C-alpha atoms as a PDB file:
ATOM      1  CA  MET A   1     148.416 153.911  98.474  1.00  0.00           C
ATOM      2  CA  THR A   2     151.320 155.464  96.597  1.00  0.00           C
ATOM      3  CA  ALA A   3     150.985 158.586  94.440  1.00  0.00           C
ATOM      4  CA  ALA A   4     151.339 156.435  91.304  1.00  0.00           C
ATOM      5  CA  ALA A   5     148.632 154.079  92.524  1.00  0.00           C
ATOM      6  CA  GLU A   6     146.326 157.018  93.273  1.00  0.00           C
ATOM      7  CA  LEU A   7     146.869 158.386  89.748  1.00  0.00           C
ATOM      8  CA  ASP A   8     146.095 155.001  88.202  1.00  0.00           C
ATOM      9  CA  LEU A   9     142.957 154.749  90.342  1.00  0.00           C
ATOM     10  CA  LEU A  10     141.668 158.073  89.032  1.00  0.00           C
ATOM     11  CA  ARG A  11     141.963 156.765  85.459  1.00  0.00           C
ATOM     12  CA  LEU A  12     139.660 153.823  86.146  1.00  0.00           C
ATOM     13  CA  THR A  13     135.897 153.749  85.705  1.00  0.00           C
ATOM     14  CA  ARG A  14     133.721 153.759  88.834  1.00  0.00           C
ATOM     15  CA  SER A  15     133.151 149.983  88.740  1.00  0.00           C
ATOM     16  CA  GLU A  16     136.867 149.396  88.155  1.00  0.00           C
ATOM     17  CA  GLN A  17     137.709 151.660  91.112  1.00  0.00           C
ATOM     18  CA  VAL A  18     135.395 149.671  93.390  1.00  0.00           C
ATOM     19  CA  GLU A  19     136.891 146.365  92.275  1.00  0.00           C
ATOM     20  CA  HIS A  20     140.415 147.755  92.706  1.00  0.00           C
ATOM     21  CA  LEU A  21     139.604 148.806  96.274  1.00  0.00           C
ATOM     22  CA  ARG A  22     138.161 145.380  97.062  1.00  0.00           C
ATOM     23  CA  ARG A  23     141.364 143.700  95.901  1.00  0.00           C
ATOM     24  CA  LYS A  24     143.493 146.238  97.767  1.00  0.00           C
ATOM     25  CA  ILE A  25     141.743 145.667 101.079  1.00  0.00           C
ATOM     26  CA  ALA A  26     141.694 141.910 100.531  1.00  0.00           C
ATOM     27  CA  SER A  27     145.482 141.987 100.295  1.00  0.00           C
ATOM     28  CA  VAL A  28     145.724 144.063 103.473  1.00  0.00           C
ATOM     29  CA  SER A  29     143.253 142.300 105.708  1.00  0.00           C
ATOM     30  CA  GLY A  30     142.486 139.008 104.021  1.00  0.00           C
ATOM     31  CA  LYS A  31     138.900 139.318 105.120  1.00  0.00           C
ATOM     32  CA  VAL A  32     136.885 141.292 102.559  1.00  0.00           C
ATOM     33  CA  GLY A  33     133.662 139.485 101.805  1.00  0.00           C
ATOM     34  CA  GLN A  34     134.031 137.345 104.914  1.00  0.00           C
ATOM     35  CA  ALA A  35     132.117 137.782 108.142  1.00  0.00           C
ATOM     36  CA  HIS A  36     133.668 139.272 111.245  1.00  0.00           C
ATOM     37  CA  ARG A  37     134.950 136.996 113.966  1.00  0.00           C
ATOM     38  CA  GLY A  38     134.741 133.923 111.736  1.00  0.00           C
ATOM     39  CA  ALA A  39     131.020 133.179 112.207  1.00  0.00           C
ATOM     40  CA  PRO A  40     128.469 134.392 109.647  1.00  0.00           C
ATOM     41  CA  ARG A  41     126.131 137.201 110.696  1.00  0.00           C
ATOM     42  CA  SER A  42     122.563 137.503 109.531  1.00  0.00           C
ATOM     43  CA  PRO A  43     121.697 140.937 108.091  1.00  0.00           C
ATOM     44  CA  GLY A  44     120.727 143.318 110.859  1.00  0.00           C
ATOM     45  CA  VAL A  45     121.644 140.905 113.641  1.00  0.00           C
ATOM     46  CA  VAL A  46     124.533 142.561 115.450  1.00  0.00           C
ATOM     47  CA  PRO A  47     124.223 142.383 119.256  1.00  0.00           C
ATOM     48  CA  ALA A  48     123.205 145.841 120.465  1.00  0.00           C
ATOM     49  CA  ARG A  49     125.526 145.716 123.466  1.00  0.00           C
ATOM     50  CA  GLU A  50     128.577 144.389 121.608  1.00  0.00           C
ATOM     51  CA  ALA A  51     131.261 147.011 122.173  1.00  0.00           C
ATOM     52  CA  LEU A  52     133.738 148.048 119.504  1.00  0.00           C
ATOM     53  CA  LEU A  53     136.578 149.255 121.683  1.00  0.00           C
ATOM     54  CA  GLU A  54     138.260 146.613 123.771  1.00  0.00           C
ATOM     55  CA  PRO A  55     141.853 147.890 124.151  1.00  0.00           C
ATOM     56  CA  PRO A  56     144.397 145.495 125.668  1.00  0.00           C
ATOM     57  CA  GLU A  57     145.417 146.358 129.221  1.00  0.00           C
ATOM     58  CA  THR A  58     148.940 147.092 127.978  1.00  0.00           C
ATOM     59  CA  LEU A  59     147.575 150.052 125.991  1.00  0.00           C
ATOM     60  CA  VAL A  60     145.618 151.719 128.765  1.00  0.00           C
ATOM     61  CA  GLU A  61     148.526 153.991 129.683  1.00  0.00           C
ATOM     62  CA  VAL A  62     149.128 155.291 126.138  1.00  0.00           C
ATOM     63  CA  LEU A  63     145.638 155.641 124.677  1.00  0.00           C
ATOM     64  CA  PRO A  64     144.053 159.093 125.021  1.00  0.00           C
ATOM     65  CA  GLU A  65     142.403 159.525 128.395  1.00  0.00           C
ATOM     66  CA  GLY A  66     138.659 159.911 127.894  1.00  0.00           C
ATOM     67  CA  LEU A  67     138.466 157.648 124.837  1.00  0.00           C
ATOM     68  CA  PRO A  68     134.929 156.232 124.449  1.00  0.00           C
ATOM     69  CA  THR A  69     134.953 152.503 125.127  1.00  0.00           C
ATOM     70  CA  THR A  70     131.371 151.438 124.498  1.00  0.00           C
ATOM     71  CA  LEU A  71     130.666 152.707 120.994  1.00  0.00           C
ATOM     72  CA  PRO A  72     128.564 149.795 119.672  1.00  0.00           C
ATOM     73  CA  ARG A  73     129.760 147.781 116.710  1.00  0.00           C
ATOM     74  CA  GLY A  74     127.743 148.518 113.593  1.00  0.00           C
ATOM     75  CA  SER A  75     126.890 152.072 114.618  1.00  0.00           C
ATOM     76  CA  VAL A  76     127.554 155.399 112.901  1.00  0.00           C
ATOM     77  CA  ALA A  77     129.057 158.260 114.894  1.00  0.00           C
ATOM     78  CA  VAL A  78     130.076 161.793 113.963  1.00  0.00           C
ATOM     79  CA  ALA A  79     133.316 163.052 115.511  1.00  0.00           C
ATOM     80  CA  ALA A  80     134.538 166.635 115.765  1.00  0.00           C
ATOM     81  CA  GLY A  81     137.528 168.325 117.333  1.00  0.00           C
ATOM     82  CA  ALA A  82     140.825 166.707 118.272  1.00  0.00           C
ATOM     83  CA  ARG A  83     141.972 164.002 115.881  1.00  0.00           C
ATOM     84  CA  SER A  84     143.455 162.097 118.825  1.00  0.00           C
ATOM     85  CA  LEU A  85     139.949 160.697 119.276  1.00  0.00           C
ATOM     86  CA  SER A  86     139.808 158.873 115.940  1.00  0.00           C
ATOM     87  CA  LEU A  87     143.479 157.859 116.086  1.00  0.00           C
ATOM     88  CA  GLY A  88     142.979 156.417 119.555  1.00  0.00           C
ATOM     89  CA  MET A  89     140.016 154.394 118.330  1.00  0.00           C
ATOM     90  CA  VAL A  90     142.062 153.101 115.390  1.00  0.00           C
ATOM     91  CA  ALA A  91     144.842 152.137 117.797  1.00  0.00           C
ATOM     92  CA  ALA A  92     142.446 150.337 120.130  1.00  0.00           C
ATOM     93  CA  VAL A  93     140.780 148.377 117.326  1.00  0.00           C
ATOM     94  CA  THR A  94     143.937 147.290 115.496  1.00  0.00           C
ATOM     95  CA  ALA A  95     145.868 146.473 118.673  1.00  0.00           C
ATOM     96  CA  ALA A  96     143.008 144.196 119.716  1.00  0.00           C
ATOM     97  CA  GLY A  97     143.258 142.279 116.433  1.00  0.00           C
ATOM     98  CA  GLY A  98     140.637 144.149 114.419  1.00  0.00           C
ATOM     99  CA  HIS A  99     140.974 145.910 111.077  1.00  0.00           C
ATOM    100  CA  ALA A 100     140.465 149.620 110.407  1.00  0.00           C
ATOM    101  CA  ALA A 101     140.551 152.042 107.497  1.00  0.00           C
ATOM    102  CA  ILE A 102     141.099 155.797 107.317  1.00  0.00           C
ATOM    103  CA  ILE A 103     139.589 157.532 104.289  1.00  0.00           C
ATOM    104  CA  GLY A 104     140.053 161.105 103.107  1.00  0.00           C
ATOM    105  CA  GLN A 105     142.627 162.286 105.650  1.00  0.00           C
ATOM    106  CA  PRO A 106     145.855 162.866 103.679  1.00  0.00           C
ATOM    107  CA  ASP A 107     147.565 164.505 106.663  1.00  0.00           C
ATOM    108  CA  VAL A 108     146.719 161.782 109.186  1.00  0.00           C
ATOM    109  CA  GLY A 109     149.457 161.293 111.801  1.00  0.00           C
ATOM    110  CA  LEU A 110     150.306 157.605 111.579  1.00  0.00           C
ATOM    111  CA  LEU A 111     153.266 158.085 113.924  1.00  0.00           C
ATOM    112  CA  ALA A 112     150.880 159.278 116.625  1.00  0.00           C
ATOM    113  CA  ALA A 113     148.699 156.231 115.993  1.00  0.00           C
ATOM    114  CA  VAL A 114     151.715 153.931 116.349  1.00  0.00           C
ATOM    115  CA  GLU A 115     152.675 155.621 119.616  1.00  0.00           C
ATOM    116  CA  MET A 116     149.158 154.859 120.855  1.00  0.00           C
ATOM    117  CA  GLY A 117     149.707 151.200 119.982  1.00  0.00           C
ATOM    118  CA  ALA A 118     148.181 150.929 116.495  1.00  0.00           C
ATOM    119  CA  ASP A 119     149.113 147.905 114.373  1.00  0.00           C
ATOM    120  CA  LEU A 120     149.678 149.388 110.903  1.00  0.00           C
ATOM    121  CA  SER A 121     149.531 145.947 109.290  1.00  0.00           C
ATOM    122  CA  ARG A 122     145.825 145.994 110.164  1.00  0.00           C
ATOM    123  CA  LEU A 123     145.218 149.519 108.877  1.00  0.00           C
ATOM    124  CA  ALA A 124     144.288 150.620 105.355  1.00  0.00           C
ATOM    125  CA  VAL A 125     144.795 154.296 104.499  1.00  0.00           C
ATOM    126  CA  ILE A 126     143.076 155.864 101.474  1.00  0.00           C
ATOM    127  CA  PRO A 127     144.235 159.513 101.577  1.00  0.00           C
ATOM    128  CA  ASP A 128     142.496 160.564  98.337  1.00  0.00           C
ATOM    129  CA  PRO A 129     139.246 158.651  97.774  1.00  0.00           C
ATOM    130  CA  GLY A 130     138.229 160.810  94.819  1.00  0.00           C
ATOM    131  CA  ALA A 131     134.916 162.580  94.377  1.00  0.00           C
ATOM    132  CA  ASP A 132     132.836 160.052  96.329  1.00  0.00           C
ATOM    133  CA  PRO A 133     134.453 159.057  99.642  1.00  0.00           C
ATOM    134  CA  VAL A 134     131.128 157.676 100.899  1.00  0.00           C
ATOM    135  CA  GLU A 135     131.134 154.983  98.214  1.00  0.00           C
ATOM    136  CA  VAL A 136     134.700 154.054  99.123  1.00  0.00           C
ATOM    137  CA  ALA A 137     133.612 153.725 102.754  1.00  0.00           C
ATOM    138  CA  ALA A 138     130.705 151.502 101.707  1.00  0.00           C
ATOM    139  CA  VAL A 139     133.143 149.157  99.969  1.00  0.00           C
ATOM    140  CA  LEU A 140     135.541 149.010 102.900  1.00  0.00           C
ATOM    141  CA  MET A 141     132.774 148.255 105.400  1.00  0.00           C
ATOM    142  CA  ASP A 142     132.691 144.762 103.946  1.00  0.00           C
ATOM    143  CA  GLY A 143     136.017 143.881 105.552  1.00  0.00           C
ATOM    144  CA  MET A 144     136.665 146.281 108.419  1.00  0.00           C
ATOM    145  CA  ASP A 145     135.746 146.655 112.074  1.00  0.00           C
ATOM    146  CA  LEU A 146     136.167 150.450 112.012  1.00  0.00           C
ATOM    147  CA  VAL A 147     136.112 152.931 109.131  1.00  0.00           C
ATOM    148  CA  VAL A 148     137.107 156.559 109.746  1.00  0.00           C
ATOM    149  CA  LEU A 149     135.591 158.653 106.952  1.00  0.00           C
ATOM    150  CA  GLY A 150     136.802 162.191 106.277  1.00  0.00           C
ATOM    151  CA  LEU A 151     134.191 163.986 104.160  1.00  0.00           C
ATOM    152  CA  GLY A 152     136.385 166.962 103.291  1.00  0.00           C
ATOM    153  CA  GLY A 153     133.589 169.440 104.015  1.00  0.00           C
ATOM    154  CA  ARG A 154     130.938 167.553 102.063  1.00  0.00           C
ATOM    155  CA  SER A 155     127.328 167.176 103.147  1.00  0.00           C
ATOM    156  CA  VAL A 156     125.730 163.726 102.850  1.00  0.00           C
ATOM    157  CA  PRO A 157     121.999 163.671 101.987  1.00  0.00           C
ATOM    158  CA  PRO A 158     119.785 162.038 104.644  1.00  0.00           C
ATOM    159  CA  SER A 159     118.618 159.340 102.215  1.00  0.00           C
ATOM    160  CA  ARG A 160     122.162 158.218 101.524  1.00  0.00           C
ATOM    161  CA  ALA A 161     123.120 158.472 105.182  1.00  0.00           C
ATOM    162  CA  ARG A 162     120.277 156.068 106.022  1.00  0.00           C
ATOM    163  CA  VAL A 163     121.601 153.566 103.493  1.00  0.00           C
ATOM    164  CA  MET A 164     125.050 153.743 105.095  1.00  0.00           C
ATOM    165  CA  VAL A 165     123.598 153.352 108.594  1.00  0.00           C
ATOM    166  CA  ALA A 166     121.828 150.181 107.464  1.00  0.00           C
ATOM    167  CA  ARG A 167     124.992 148.864 105.811  1.00  0.00           C
ATOM    168  CA  ALA A 168     127.086 149.531 108.915  1.00  0.00           C
ATOM    169  CA  ARG A 169     124.574 147.623 111.027  1.00  0.00           C
ATOM    170  CA  GLN A 170     124.459 144.725 108.564  1.00  0.00           C
ATOM    171  CA  LYS A 171     128.245 144.425 108.264  1.00  0.00           C
ATOM    172  CA  GLY A 172     128.958 144.979 111.954  1.00  0.00           C
ATOM    173  CA  CYS A 173     131.370 147.781 111.044  1.00  0.00           C
ATOM    174  CA  THR A 174     131.485 151.019 113.013  1.00  0.00           C
ATOM    175  CA  LEU A 175     131.656 154.166 110.874  1.00  0.00           C
ATOM    176  CA  LEU A 176     133.232 157.291 112.373  1.00  0.00           C
ATOM    177  CA  VAL A 177     132.494 160.368 110.249  1.00  0.00           C
ATOM    178  CA  THR A 178     134.591 163.552 110.399  1.00  0.00           C
ATOM    179  CA  ASP A 179     134.950 166.851 108.535  1.00  0.00           C
ATOM    180  CA  GLY A 180     131.448 167.138 107.100  1.00  0.00           C
ATOM    181  CA  GLU A 181     127.670 167.124 107.534  1.00  0.00           C
ATOM    182  CA  TRP A 182     125.969 163.810 108.320  1.00  0.00           C
ATOM    183  CA  GLN A 183     122.401 163.394 109.549  1.00  0.00           C
ATOM    184  CA  GLY A 184     121.029 160.360 111.357  1.00  0.00           C
ATOM    185  CA  ALA A 185     124.133 159.271 113.271  1.00  0.00           C
ATOM    186  CA  SER A 186     123.437 157.349 116.467  1.00  0.00           C
ATOM    187  CA  ALA A 187     126.151 159.262 118.327  1.00  0.00           C
ATOM    188  CA  ARG A 188     127.963 162.582 118.155  1.00  0.00           C
ATOM    189  CA  LEU A 189     131.356 162.990 119.764  1.00  0.00           C
ATOM    190  CA  GLU A 190     133.302 166.185 120.334  1.00  0.00           C
ATOM    191  CA  ALA A 191     136.819 166.080 121.728  1.00  0.00           C
ATOM    192  CA  ARG A 192     139.370 168.703 122.638  1.00  0.00           C
ATOM    193  CA  VAL A 193     142.819 168.307 124.102  1.00  0.00           C
ATOM    194  CA  SER A 194     142.646 169.278 127.776  1.00  0.00           C
ATOM    195  CA  GLY A 195     146.172 168.351 128.808  1.00  0.00           C
ATOM    196  CA  TYR A 196     149.211 166.165 128.320  1.00  0.00           C
ATOM    197  CA  GLU A 197     151.307 163.739 130.298  1.00  0.00           C
ATOM    198  CA  VAL A 198     155.045 164.240 129.781  1.00  0.00           C
ATOM    199  CA  ALA A 199     157.601 161.457 130.158  1.00  0.00           C
ATOM    200  CA  GLY A 200     161.282 161.983 130.860  1.00  0.00           C
ATOM    201  CA  ALA A 201     160.997 165.607 131.918  1.00  0.00           C
ATOM    202  CA  GLY A 202     162.352 165.051 135.395  1.00  0.00           C
ATOM    203  CA  GLU A 203     162.151 162.676 138.305  1.00  0.00           C
ATOM    204  CA  ASP A 204     159.731 164.752 140.348  1.00  0.00           C
ATOM    205  CA  VAL A 205     158.668 167.940 138.579  1.00  0.00           C
ATOM    206  CA  PRO A 206     158.202 168.359 134.799  1.00  0.00           C
ATOM    207  CA  MET A 207     160.693 170.820 133.337  1.00  0.00           C
ATOM    208  CA  PRO A 208     159.696 173.162 130.487  1.00  0.00           C
ATOM    209  CA  GLY A 209     161.304 172.206 127.191  1.00  0.00           C
ATOM    210  CA  ARG A 210     162.241 168.702 128.300  1.00  0.00           C
ATOM    211  CA  GLY A 211     160.640 165.282 127.921  1.00  0.00           C
ATOM    212  CA  ARG A 212     158.114 163.977 125.433  1.00  0.00           C
ATOM    213  CA  ILE A 213     154.330 163.720 125.371  1.00  0.00           C
ATOM    214  CA  SER A 214     153.450 160.232 126.556  1.00  0.00           C
ATOM    215  CA  ARG A 215     149.696 160.639 126.663  1.00  0.00           C
ATOM    216  CA  VAL A 216     146.973 163.067 125.612  1.00  0.00           C
ATOM    217  CA  ARG A 217     144.050 163.981 127.852  1.00  0.00           C
ATOM    218  CA  LEU A 218     140.785 164.532 126.013  1.00  0.00           C
ATOM    219  CA  ALA A 219     137.786 166.478 127.239  1.00  0.00           C
ATOM    220  CA  MET A 220     134.809 164.696 125.688  1.00  0.00           C
ATOM    221  CA  ARG A 221     131.236 165.646 124.976  1.00  0.00           C
ATOM    222  CA  ALA A 222     129.103 162.769 123.747  1.00  0.00           C
ATOM    223  CA  ARG A 223     125.464 162.505 122.746  1.00  0.00           C
ATOM    224  CA  GLY A 224     123.737 159.354 121.590  1.00  0.00           C
ATOM    225  CA  ARG A 225     123.005 155.729 122.349  1.00  0.00           C
ATOM    226  CA  GLY A 226     125.441 153.269 123.910  1.00  0.00           C
ATOM    227  CA  ILE A 227     128.228 155.755 124.606  1.00  0.00           C
ATOM    228  CA  GLY A 228     130.644 155.327 127.497  1.00  0.00           C
ATOM    229  CA  SER A 229     134.062 156.783 128.288  1.00  0.00           C
ATOM    230  CA  ALA A 230     137.174 155.273 129.757  1.00  0.00           C
ATOM    231  CA  CYS A 231     137.915 156.035 133.374  1.00  0.00           C
ATOM    232  CA  ALA A 232     140.703 158.491 134.059  1.00  0.00           C
ATOM    233  CA  VAL A 233     144.048 156.846 134.605  1.00  0.00           C
ATOM    234  CA  GLY A 234     146.819 158.486 136.555  1.00  0.00           C
ATOM    235  CA  GLY A 235     144.901 161.541 137.673  1.00  0.00           C
END
């Protein structure tokens, strides 16, 4: 959204803001209010073993090593640490034909996401969701496969978190929460950058000051149900 659009959004009432966001995402994805994958889902009936992350084989070499690949669709996870984790998940989802949204991260590195293979035409970015980013996320769940929600240091009450968990399950949308307190998540992920792969530094031995980062290695700690990590590629 542009700065002018953000200013106009702040002038609207809460109901007008919600309707504006619905129209905005409808224009981006063409699927708000429609079920995922074309077939209608019954509330609460999302296959427990249906994985969210199914990156194309062509992306295996550029996605962060250690990216979780079996985070179930319709689950809620809390992520901490390196932002390469959430960007890699966005890249995997959009490159595979899904739709994603990033909320409340005004400094998000879209270039890094593109280098991981993200399809920006399938990505909605709401850098300033206003005073209630959780409500914005609830709206976007209706048309997305993955929503990355930056809380900006906020704490979400358990009662509201339970409502969002139920909505994520019903809509088949995975919610990845960052930068805040959230109770009741089915998984907690912590990632830190443990190394890099450099391209173009030299034929045999990398040379300091030369080349570019072609891939990030993540050291992952994961707790929760249905979590699995990608196998290491290239060492």
